[in-house]
Every structure is written in structure tokens, then in C-alpha cells.
Amino acid sequence: MLTSDGTATGAIAESLFTFVSGSNLLVLTGSMEPGDDITYNLGAPTKRWANVYTGDLHLRNDRGSWTIVEEPEELTIRNNNTGNWYKFALVPITKPE
């Protein structure tokens, strides 16, 4: 249920999310998950998110299960099915313009 925060554009939700008045910001306090597994998209080929900020990245589909982990000096990836760990080969380059 949504209720007004007393402003013309603000709202407060009993589901622990808040629309910040005067901005395009939705603040979520708690976890969010889709209603079904491997059914819904976040974005689309022509409607992409600009940036994604995350901790470790967990990837899983019907063919594999991987976790990308940020270490202090490298990125590692774990095959969650086998438990094997791998290191990305990160080679310094000159930033393209």
C-alpha cells in the first residue's frame, strides 16, 4: 500500500520502499526478488541501465553457475558447480580514447 508523505509527489510504502520527493529516486530498504525464477528481465536490449553497482556478482542459468569476486589486486571467478577458482588475466593497457 502506498500513502502520501504530505507532498505533491512523495509517497511512502508499507513494503519498505520510498519514492524520494522531488527526484527520480526509489529507495528500497530490504531485499528485492522477481516473482519467478529466470522469467523477468532487468532492462532490455533497447532500454539498458546506465551502470550496475554490486558486490560479488552471482551468475546462474541452466548451463552453469559462477561467482565473480573482487580481490584487492585481481578479479577471481568461482565455478559454483565444481568449486574450482580461476583468476582473470588482467593486462594493463593505455585507456582508449
PDB file of N, CA and C in Angstrom:
ATOM      1  N   MET A   1       0.843  -1.166   0.000  1.00  0.00           N
ATOM      2  CA  MET A   1       0.000   0.000   0.000  1.00  0.00           C
ATOM      3  C   MET A   1       0.894   1.237   0.000  1.00  0.00           C
ATOM      4  N   LEU A   2       0.555   2.221  -0.819  1.00  0.00           N
ATOM      5  CA  LEU A   2       1.259   3.490  -0.869  1.00  0.00           C
ATOM      6  C   LEU A   2       0.448   4.555  -0.156  1.00  0.00           C
ATOM      7  N   THR A   3       1.141   5.414   0.586  1.00  0.00           N
ATOM      8  CA  THR A   3       0.480   6.550   1.214  1.00  0.00           C
ATOM      9  C   THR A   3       1.280   7.806   0.892  1.00  0.00           C
ATOM     10  N   SER A   4       0.651   8.955   0.975  1.00  0.00           N
ATOM     11  CA  SER A   4       1.313  10.225   0.702  1.00  0.00           C
ATOM     12  C   SER A   4       2.234  10.590   1.850  1.00  0.00           C
ATOM     13  N   ASP A   5       3.363  11.230   1.506  1.00  0.00           N
ATOM     14  CA  ASP A   5       4.244  11.743   2.553  1.00  0.00           C
ATOM     15  C   ASP A   5       3.911  13.197   2.879  1.00  0.00           C
ATOM     16  N   GLY A   6       2.811  13.695   2.349  1.00  0.00           N
ATOM     17  CA  GLY A   6       2.376  15.060   2.609  1.00  0.00           C
ATOM     18  C   GLY A   6       2.805  16.050   1.543  1.00  0.00           C
ATOM     19  N   THR A   7       3.585  15.588   0.557  1.00  0.00           N
ATOM     20  CA  THR A   7       3.980  16.463  -0.544  1.00  0.00           C
ATOM     21  C   THR A   7       3.196  16.071  -1.785  1.00  0.00           C
ATOM     22  N   ALA A   8       3.302  16.882  -2.814  1.00  0.00           N
ATOM     23  CA  ALA A   8       2.547  16.627  -4.044  1.00  0.00           C
ATOM     24  C   ALA A   8       3.041  15.386  -4.785  1.00  0.00           C
ATOM     25  N   THR A   9       4.328  15.045  -4.642  1.00  0.00           N
ATOM     26  CA  THR A   9       4.872  13.934  -5.427  1.00  0.00           C
ATOM     27  C   THR A   9       5.426  12.790  -4.590  1.00  0.00           C
ATOM     28  N   GLY A  10       5.521  12.944  -3.301  1.00  0.00           N
ATOM     29  CA  GLY A  10       6.136  11.916  -2.457  1.00  0.00           C
ATOM     30  C   GLY A  10       5.163  10.842  -2.031  1.00  0.00           C
ATOM     31  N   ALA A  11       5.692   9.641  -1.822  1.00  0.00           N
ATOM     32  CA  ALA A  11       4.869   8.523  -1.358  1.00  0.00           C
ATOM     33  C   ALA A  11       5.688   7.655  -0.426  1.00  0.00           C
ATOM     34  N   ILE A  12       5.019   6.991   0.482  1.00  0.00           N
ATOM     35  CA  ILE A  12       5.657   6.058   1.402  1.00  0.00           C
ATOM     36  C   ILE A  12       4.947   4.717   1.247  1.00  0.00           C
ATOM     37  N   ALA A  13       5.720   3.646   1.206  1.00  0.00           N
ATOM     38  CA  ALA A  13       5.138   2.324   1.023  1.00  0.00           C
ATOM     39  C   ALA A  13       5.335   1.499   2.283  1.00  0.00           C
ATOM     40  N   GLU A  14       4.359   0.707   2.604  1.00  0.00           N
ATOM     41  CA  GLU A  14       4.487  -0.192   3.739  1.00  0.00           C
ATOM     42  C   GLU A  14       5.418  -1.348   3.423  1.00  0.00           C
ATOM     43  N   SER A  15       5.818  -1.474   2.164  1.00  0.00           N
ATOM     44  CA  SER A  15       6.710  -2.548   1.746  1.00  0.00           C
ATOM     45  C   SER A  15       8.172  -2.136   1.819  1.00  0.00           C
ATOM     46  N   LEU A  16       8.499  -1.145   2.634  1.00  0.00           N
ATOM     47  CA  LEU A  16       9.866  -0.706   2.872  1.00  0.00           C
ATOM     48  C   LEU A  16      10.532  -0.084   1.655  1.00  0.00           C
ATOM     49  N   PHE A  17       9.777   0.637   0.839  1.00  0.00           N
ATOM     50  CA  PHE A  17      10.401   1.443  -0.202  1.00  0.00           C
ATOM     51  C   PHE A  17       9.777   2.826  -0.186  1.00  0.00           C
ATOM     52  N   THR A  18      10.586   3.808  -0.607  1.00  0.00           N
ATOM     53  CA  THR A  18      10.168   5.203  -0.544  1.00  0.00           C
ATOM     54  C   THR A  18      10.503   5.889  -1.857  1.00  0.00           C
ATOM     55  N   PHE A  19       9.568   6.613  -2.419  1.00  0.00           N
ATOM     56  CA  PHE A  19       9.827   7.489  -3.551  1.00  0.00           C
ATOM     57  C   PHE A  19      10.286   8.820  -2.963  1.00  0.00           C
ATOM     58  N   VAL A  20      11.509   9.241  -3.275  1.00  0.00           N
ATOM     59  CA  VAL A  20      12.048  10.469  -2.715  1.00  0.00           C
ATOM     60  C   VAL A  20      11.439  11.664  -3.436  1.00  0.00           C
ATOM     61  N   SER A  21      10.785  12.506  -2.691  1.00  0.00           N
ATOM     62  CA  SER A  21      10.089  13.667  -3.237  1.00  0.00           C
ATOM     63  C   SER A  21      11.057  14.573  -3.988  1.00  0.00           C
ATOM     64  N   GLY A  22      10.646  15.018  -5.186  1.00  0.00           N
ATOM     65  CA  GLY A  22      11.445  15.940  -5.969  1.00  0.00           C
ATOM     66  C   GLY A  22      12.603  15.303  -6.718  1.00  0.00           C
ATOM     67  N   SER A  23      12.650  13.981  -6.782  1.00  0.00           N
ATOM     68  CA  SER A  23      13.742  13.308  -7.501  1.00  0.00           C
ATOM     69  C   SER A  23      13.184  12.087  -8.223  1.00  0.00           C
ATOM     70  N   ASN A  24      14.035  11.430  -8.969  1.00  0.00           N
ATOM     71  CA  ASN A  24      13.672  10.178  -9.633  1.00  0.00           C
ATOM     72  C   ASN A  24      14.189   8.983  -8.851  1.00  0.00           C
ATOM     73  N   LEU A  25      14.339   9.115  -7.555  1.00  0.00           N
ATOM     74  CA  LEU A  25      14.967   8.091  -6.730  1.00  0.00           C
ATOM     75  C   LEU A  25      13.935   7.247  -5.988  1.00  0.00           C
ATOM     76  N   LEU A  26      14.078   5.951  -6.096  1.00  0.00           N
ATOM     77  CA  LEU A  26      13.293   4.990  -5.323  1.00  0.00           C
ATOM     78  C   LEU A  26      14.252   4.332  -4.351  1.00  0.00           C
ATOM     79  N   VAL A  27      14.009   4.438  -3.056  1.00  0.00           N
ATOM     80  CA  VAL A  27      14.867   3.853  -2.035  1.00  0.00           C
ATOM     81  C   VAL A  27      14.197   2.587  -1.518  1.00  0.00           C
ATOM     82  N   LEU A  28      14.932   1.493  -1.570  1.00  0.00           N
ATOM     83  CA  LEU A  28      14.434   0.200  -1.112  1.00  0.00           C
ATOM     84  C   LEU A  28      15.186  -0.197   0.147  1.00  0.00           C
ATOM     85  N   THR A  29      14.465  -0.503   1.202  1.00  0.00           N
ATOM     86  CA  THR A  29      15.066  -0.959   2.446  1.00  0.00           C
ATOM     87  C   THR A  29      14.720  -2.429   2.611  1.00  0.00           C
ATOM     88  N   GLY A  30      15.650  -3.290   2.215  1.00  0.00           N
ATOM     89  CA  GLY A  30      15.408  -4.724   2.247  1.00  0.00           C
ATOM     90  C   GLY A  30      15.759  -5.333   0.911  1.00  0.00           C
ATOM     91  N   SER A  31      15.452  -6.577   0.740  1.00  0.00           N
ATOM     92  CA  SER A  31      15.777  -7.297  -0.485  1.00  0.00           C
ATOM     93  C   SER A  31      14.649  -7.197  -1.495  1.00  0.00           C
ATOM     94  N   MET A  32      15.007  -7.452  -2.750  1.00  0.00           N
ATOM     95  CA  MET A  32      14.023  -7.452  -3.824  1.00  0.00           C
ATOM     96  C   MET A  32      14.300  -8.686  -4.673  1.00  0.00           C
ATOM     97  N   GLU A  33      13.272  -9.370  -5.074  1.00  0.00           N
ATOM     98  CA  GLU A  33      13.452 -10.526  -5.943  1.00  0.00           C
ATOM     99  C   GLU A  33      12.273 -10.646  -6.894  1.00  0.00           C
ATOM    100  N   PRO A  34      12.504 -11.270  -8.063  1.00  0.00           N
ATOM    101  CA  PRO A  34      11.388 -11.438  -9.009  1.00  0.00           C
ATOM    102  C   PRO A  34      10.390 -12.463  -8.491  1.00  0.00           C
ATOM    103  N   GLY A  35       9.216 -12.463  -9.066  1.00  0.00           N
ATOM    104  CA  GLY A  35       8.157 -13.368  -8.650  1.00  0.00           C
ATOM    105  C   GLY A  35       8.355 -14.806  -9.110  1.00  0.00           C
ATOM    106  N   ASP A  36       9.297 -15.034 -10.035  1.00  0.00           N
ATOM    107  CA  ASP A  36       9.546 -16.384 -10.538  1.00  0.00           C
ATOM    108  C   ASP A  36      10.987 -16.470 -11.014  1.00  0.00           C
ATOM    109  N   ASP A  37      11.549 -17.676 -11.078  1.00  0.00           N
ATOM    110  CA  ASP A  37      12.942 -17.882 -11.456  1.00  0.00           C
ATOM    111  C   ASP A  37      13.126 -17.817 -12.973  1.00  0.00           C
ATOM    112  N   ILE A  38      14.137 -17.068 -13.421  1.00  0.00           N
ATOM    113  CA  ILE A  38      14.520 -16.928 -14.828  1.00  0.00           C
ATOM    114  C   ILE A  38      13.304 -16.600 -15.710  1.00  0.00           C
ATOM    115  N   THR A  39      12.538 -15.593 -15.290  1.00  0.00           N
ATOM    116  CA  THR A  39      11.321 -15.225 -16.008  1.00  0.00           C
ATOM    117  C   THR A  39      11.315 -13.756 -16.422  1.00  0.00           C
ATOM    118  N   TYR A  40      11.807 -12.869 -15.564  1.00  0.00           N
ATOM    119  CA  TYR A  40      11.703 -11.429 -15.799  1.00  0.00           C
ATOM    120  C   TYR A  40      13.072 -10.817 -16.058  1.00  0.00           C
ATOM    121  N   ASN A  41      13.095  -9.733 -16.832  1.00  0.00           N
ATOM    122  CA  ASN A  41      14.333  -9.035 -17.174  1.00  0.00           C
ATOM    123  C   ASN A  41      14.478  -7.759 -16.366  1.00  0.00           C
ATOM    124  N   LEU A  42      15.700  -7.356 -16.166  1.00  0.00           N
ATOM    125  CA  LEU A  42      16.022  -6.049 -15.611  1.00  0.00           C
ATOM    126  C   LEU A  42      16.614  -5.262 -16.770  1.00  0.00           C
ATOM    127  N   GLY A  43      15.829  -4.390 -17.388  1.00  0.00           N
ATOM    128  CA  GLY A  43      16.244  -3.696 -18.589  1.00  0.00           C
ATOM    129  C   GLY A  43      15.872  -4.500 -19.829  1.00  0.00           C
ATOM    130  N   ALA A  44      16.329  -4.011 -20.997  1.00  0.00           N
ATOM    131  CA  ALA A  44      16.040  -4.647 -22.282  1.00  0.00           C
ATOM    132  C   ALA A  44      17.130  -4.233 -23.269  1.00  0.00           C
ATOM    133  N   PRO A  45      17.225  -4.896 -24.425  1.00  0.00           N
ATOM    134  CA  PRO A  45      18.261  -4.517 -25.391  1.00  0.00           C
ATOM    135  C   PRO A  45      18.234  -3.040 -25.782  1.00  0.00           C
ATOM    136  N   THR A  46      17.068  -2.440 -25.794  1.00  0.00           N
ATOM    137  CA  THR A  46      16.974  -1.025 -26.163  1.00  0.00           C
ATOM    138  C   THR A  46      16.656  -0.116 -24.975  1.00  0.00           C
ATOM    139  N   LYS A  47      16.554  -0.673 -23.786  1.00  0.00           N
ATOM    140  CA  LYS A  47      16.296   0.092 -22.563  1.00  0.00           C
ATOM    141  C   LYS A  47      17.220  -0.432 -21.469  1.00  0.00           C
ATOM    142  N   ARG A  48      18.520  -0.052 -21.580  1.00  0.00           N
ATOM    143  CA  ARG A  48      19.536  -0.591 -20.685  1.00  0.00           C
ATOM    144  C   ARG A  48      19.758   0.321 -19.486  1.00  0.00           C
ATOM    145  N   TRP A  49      20.197  -0.250 -18.366  1.00  0.00           N
ATOM    146  CA  TRP A  49      20.616   0.515 -17.209  1.00  0.00           C
ATOM    147  C   TRP A  49      21.974   1.125 -17.518  1.00  0.00           C
ATOM    148  N   ALA A  50      22.234   2.337 -17.061  1.00  0.00           N
ATOM    149  CA  ALA A  50      23.498   3.022 -17.337  1.00  0.00           C
ATOM    150  C   ALA A  50      24.660   2.340 -16.610  1.00  0.00           C
ATOM    151  N   ASN A  51      24.519   2.072 -15.336  1.00  0.00           N
ATOM    152  CA  ASN A  51      25.570   1.457 -14.523  1.00  0.00           C
ATOM    153  C   ASN A  51      24.923   0.494 -13.539  1.00  0.00           C
ATOM    154  N   VAL A  52      25.653  -0.549 -13.190  1.00  0.00           N
ATOM    155  CA  VAL A  52      25.192  -1.501 -12.191  1.00  0.00           C
ATOM    156  C   VAL A  52      26.252  -1.554 -11.095  1.00  0.00           C
ATOM    157  N   TYR A  53      25.865  -1.273  -9.875  1.00  0.00           N
ATOM    158  CA  TYR A  53      26.768  -1.306  -8.739  1.00  0.00           C
ATOM    159  C   TYR A  53      26.393  -2.510  -7.884  1.00  0.00           C
ATOM    160  N   THR A  54      27.368  -3.378  -7.633  1.00  0.00           N
ATOM    161  CA  THR A  54      27.076  -4.606  -6.914  1.00  0.00           C
ATOM    162  C   THR A  54      28.291  -5.058  -6.123  1.00  0.00           C
ATOM    163  N   GLY A  55      28.077  -5.920  -5.178  1.00  0.00           N
ATOM    164  CA  GLY A  55      29.193  -6.603  -4.522  1.00  0.00           C
ATOM    165  C   GLY A  55      29.601  -7.740  -5.445  1.00  0.00           C
ATOM    166  N   ASP A  56      29.801  -8.917  -4.915  1.00  0.00           N
ATOM    167  CA  ASP A  56      30.115 -10.061  -5.764  1.00  0.00           C
ATOM    168  C   ASP A  56      28.954 -10.302  -6.724  1.00  0.00           C
ATOM    169  N   LEU A  57      29.292 -10.764  -7.919  1.00  0.00           N
ATOM    170  CA  LEU A  57      28.290 -10.981  -8.957  1.00  0.00           C
ATOM    171  C   LEU A  57      28.037 -12.478  -9.093  1.00  0.00           C
ATOM    172  N   HIS A  58      26.820 -12.897  -8.854  1.00  0.00           N
ATOM    173  CA  HIS A  58      26.440 -14.310  -8.919  1.00  0.00           C
ATOM    174  C   HIS A  58      25.661 -14.554 -10.206  1.00  0.00           C
ATOM    175  N   LEU A  59      26.163 -15.457 -11.024  1.00  0.00           N
ATOM    176  CA  LEU A  59      25.543 -15.770 -12.316  1.00  0.00           C
ATOM    177  C   LEU A  59      25.130 -17.240 -12.319  1.00  0.00           C
ATOM    178  N   ARG A  60      23.900 -17.506 -12.750  1.00  0.00           N
ATOM    179  CA  ARG A  60      23.455 -18.902 -12.825  1.00  0.00           C
ATOM    180  C   ARG A  60      22.356 -19.021 -13.858  1.00  0.00           C
ATOM    181  N   ASN A  61      22.461 -20.048 -14.690  1.00  0.00           N
ATOM    182  CA  ASN A  61      21.394 -20.403 -15.621  1.00  0.00           C
ATOM    183  C   ASN A  61      21.371 -21.924 -15.734  1.00  0.00           C
ATOM    184  N   ASP A  62      20.716 -22.458 -16.760  1.00  0.00           N
ATOM    185  CA  ASP A  62      20.597 -23.917 -16.873  1.00  0.00           C
ATOM    186  C   ASP A  62      21.905 -24.576 -17.319  1.00  0.00           C
ATOM    187  N   ARG A  63      22.932 -23.792 -17.712  1.00  0.00           N
ATOM    188  CA  ARG A  63      24.197 -24.365 -18.179  1.00  0.00           C
ATOM    189  C   ARG A  63      25.341 -24.203 -17.191  1.00  0.00           C
ATOM    190  N   GLY A  64      25.260 -23.242 -16.280  1.00  0.00           N
ATOM    191  CA  GLY A  64      26.385 -23.017 -15.380  1.00  0.00           C
ATOM    192  C   GLY A  64      26.024 -22.160 -14.188  1.00  0.00           C
ATOM    193  N   SER A  65      26.984 -22.077 -13.261  1.00  0.00           N
ATOM    194  CA  SER A  65      26.818 -21.282 -12.051  1.00  0.00           C
ATOM    195  C   SER A  65      28.191 -20.741 -11.657  1.00  0.00           C
ATOM    196  N   TRP A  66      28.347 -19.414 -11.695  1.00  0.00           N
ATOM    197  CA  TRP A  66      29.627 -18.766 -11.444  1.00  0.00           C
ATOM    198  C   TRP A  66      29.450 -17.593 -10.499  1.00  0.00           C
ATOM    199  N   THR A  67      30.521 -17.268  -9.753  1.00  0.00           N
ATOM    200  CA  THR A  67      30.544 -16.078  -8.912  1.00  0.00           C
ATOM    201  C   THR A  67      31.824 -15.304  -9.204  1.00  0.00           C
ATOM    202  N   ILE A  68      31.699 -14.025  -9.560  1.00  0.00           N
ATOM    203  CA  ILE A  68      32.842 -13.153  -9.781  1.00  0.00           C
ATOM    204  C   ILE A  68      33.104 -12.401  -8.474  1.00  0.00           C
ATOM    205  N   VAL A  69      34.352 -12.462  -8.003  1.00  0.00           N
ATOM    206  CA  VAL A  69      34.733 -11.880  -6.713  1.00  0.00           C
ATOM    207  C   VAL A  69      35.846 -10.857  -6.926  1.00  0.00           C
ATOM    208  N   GLU A  70      35.712  -9.691  -6.311  1.00  0.00           N
ATOM    209  CA  GLU A  70      36.728  -8.649  -6.387  1.00  0.00           C
ATOM    210  C   GLU A  70      37.731  -8.851  -5.259  1.00  0.00           C
ATOM    211  N   GLU A  71      38.971  -9.127  -5.616  1.00  0.00           N
ATOM    212  CA  GLU A  71      40.066  -9.218  -4.655  1.00  0.00           C
ATOM    213  C   GLU A  71      40.809  -7.883  -4.690  1.00  0.00           C
ATOM    214  N   PRO A  72      41.705  -7.612  -3.736  1.00  0.00           N
ATOM    215  CA  PRO A  72      42.404  -6.322  -3.717  1.00  0.00           C
ATOM    216  C   PRO A  72      43.176  -6.007  -5.001  1.00  0.00           C
ATOM    217  N   GLU A  73      43.764  -7.000  -5.648  1.00  0.00           N
ATOM    218  CA  GLU A  73      44.604  -6.749  -6.819  1.00  0.00           C
ATOM    219  C   GLU A  73      44.164  -7.502  -8.068  1.00  0.00           C
ATOM    220  N   GLU A  74      43.043  -8.224  -8.003  1.00  0.00           N
ATOM    221  CA  GLU A  74      42.626  -9.023  -9.151  1.00  0.00           C
ATOM    222  C   GLU A  74      41.151  -9.382  -9.044  1.00  0.00           C
ATOM    223  N   LEU A  75      40.616  -9.862 -10.133  1.00  0.00           N
ATOM    224  CA  LEU A  75      39.268 -10.434 -10.140  1.00  0.00           C
ATOM    225  C   LEU A  75      39.409 -11.947 -10.205  1.00  0.00           C
ATOM    226  N   THR A  76      38.619 -12.636  -9.402  1.00  0.00           N
ATOM    227  CA  THR A  76      38.599 -14.094  -9.463  1.00  0.00           C
ATOM    228  C   THR A  76      37.185 -14.546  -9.799  1.00  0.00           C
ATOM    229  N   ILE A  77      37.085 -15.770 -10.283  1.00  0.00           N
ATOM    230  CA  ILE A  77      35.776 -16.334 -10.621  1.00  0.00           C
ATOM    231  C   ILE A  77      35.728 -17.767 -10.110  1.00  0.00           C
ATOM    232  N   ARG A  78      34.640 -18.120  -9.469  1.00  0.00           N
ATOM    233  CA  ARG A  78      34.459 -19.467  -8.910  1.00  0.00           C
ATOM    234  C   ARG A  78      33.382 -20.193  -9.699  1.00  0.00           C
ATOM    235  N   ASN A  79      33.694 -21.421 -10.111  1.00  0.00           N
ATOM    236  CA  ASN A  79      32.680 -22.290 -10.694  1.00  0.00           C
ATOM    237  C   ASN A  79      31.944 -22.908  -9.514  1.00  0.00           C
ATOM    238  N   ASN A  80      30.713 -22.499  -9.290  1.00  0.00           N
ATOM    239  CA  ASN A  80      29.961 -22.970  -8.126  1.00  0.00           C
ATOM    240  C   ASN A  80      29.582 -24.442  -8.221  1.00  0.00           C
ATOM    241  N   ASN A  81      29.589 -25.013  -9.423  1.00  0.00           N
ATOM    242  CA  ASN A  81      29.266 -26.432  -9.582  1.00  0.00           C
ATOM    243  C   ASN A  81      30.435 -27.327  -9.201  1.00  0.00           C
ATOM    244  N   THR A  82      31.667 -26.865  -9.490  1.00  0.00           N
ATOM    245  CA  THR A  82      32.844 -27.704  -9.213  1.00  0.00           C
ATOM    246  C   THR A  82      33.638 -27.226  -8.007  1.00  0.00           C
ATOM    247  N   GLY A  83      33.454 -25.963  -7.605  1.00  0.00           N
ATOM    248  CA  GLY A  83      34.246 -25.395  -6.521  1.00  0.00           C
ATOM    249  C   GLY A  83      35.596 -24.866  -6.981  1.00  0.00           C
ATOM    250  N   ASN A  84      35.935 -25.005  -8.266  1.00  0.00           N
ATOM    251  CA  ASN A  84      37.216 -24.535  -8.783  1.00  0.00           C
ATOM    252  C   ASN A  84      37.225 -23.011  -8.881  1.00  0.00           C
ATOM    253  N   TRP A  85      38.414 -22.424  -8.605  1.00  0.00           N
ATOM    254  CA  TRP A  85      38.625 -20.983  -8.683  1.00  0.00           C
ATOM    255  C   TRP A  85      39.548 -20.667  -9.852  1.00  0.00           C
ATOM    256  N   TYR A  86      39.330 -19.514 -10.481  1.00  0.00           N
ATOM    257  CA  TYR A  86      40.154 -19.059 -11.597  1.00  0.00           C
ATOM    258  C   TYR A  86      40.458 -17.579 -11.384  1.00  0.00           C
ATOM    259  N   LYS A  87      41.561 -17.117 -11.977  1.00  0.00           N
ATOM    260  CA  LYS A  87      41.928 -15.710 -11.913  1.00  0.00           C
ATOM    261  C   LYS A  87      41.820 -15.124 -13.310  1.00  0.00           C
ATOM    262  N   PHE A  88      41.162 -13.975 -13.427  1.00  0.00           N
ATOM    263  CA  PHE A  88      41.115 -13.273 -14.703  1.00  0.00           C
ATOM    264  C   PHE A  88      42.515 -12.777 -15.024  1.00  0.00           C
ATOM    265  N   ALA A  89      42.917 -12.878 -16.275  1.00  0.00           N
ATOM    266  CA  ALA A  89      44.188 -12.324 -16.720  1.00  0.00           C
ATOM    267  C   ALA A  89      43.964 -10.859 -17.067  1.00  0.00           C
ATOM    268  N   LEU A  90      44.318  -9.977 -16.124  1.00  0.00           N
ATOM    269  CA  LEU A  90      44.140  -8.547 -16.317  1.00  0.00           C
ATOM    270  C   LEU A  90      45.481  -7.960 -16.737  1.00  0.00           C
ATOM    271  N   VAL A  91      45.545  -7.460 -17.948  1.00  0.00           N
ATOM    272  CA  VAL A  91      46.778  -6.920 -18.510  1.00  0.00           C
ATOM    273  C   VAL A  91      46.624  -5.410 -18.640  1.00  0.00           C
ATOM    274  N   PRO A  92      47.519  -4.622 -17.997  1.00  0.00           N
ATOM    275  CA  PRO A  92      47.404  -3.164 -18.088  1.00  0.00           C
ATOM    276  C   PRO A  92      47.510  -2.684 -19.547  1.00  0.00           C
ATOM    277  N   ILE A  93      46.666  -1.716 -19.894  1.00  0.00           N
ATOM    278  CA  ILE A  93      46.705  -1.126 -21.233  1.00  0.00           C
ATOM    279  C   ILE A  93      46.588   0.380 -21.103  1.00  0.00           C
ATOM    280  N   THR A  94      46.834   1.095 -22.179  1.00  0.00           N
ATOM    281  CA  THR A  94      46.568   2.517 -22.217  1.00  0.00           C
ATOM    282  C   THR A  94      45.086   2.690 -22.491  1.00  0.00           C
ATOM    283  N   LYS A  95      44.437   3.526 -21.681  1.00  0.00           N
ATOM    284  CA  LYS A  95      42.999   3.715 -21.826  1.00  0.00           C
ATOM    285  C   LYS A  95      42.662   4.244 -23.219  1.00  0.00           C
ATOM    286  N   PRO A  96      41.757   3.559 -23.938  1.00  0.00           N
ATOM    287  CA  PRO A  96      41.357   4.054 -25.255  1.00  0.00           C
ATOM    288  C   PRO A  96      40.606   5.374 -25.142  1.00  0.00           C
ATOM    289  N   GLU A  97      40.732   6.190 -26.162  1.00  0.00           N
ATOM    290  CA  GLU A  97      40.029   7.482 -26.135  1.00  0.00           C
ATOM    291  C   GLU A  97      38.690   7.391 -26.819  1.00  0.00           C
TER     292      GLU A  97
END
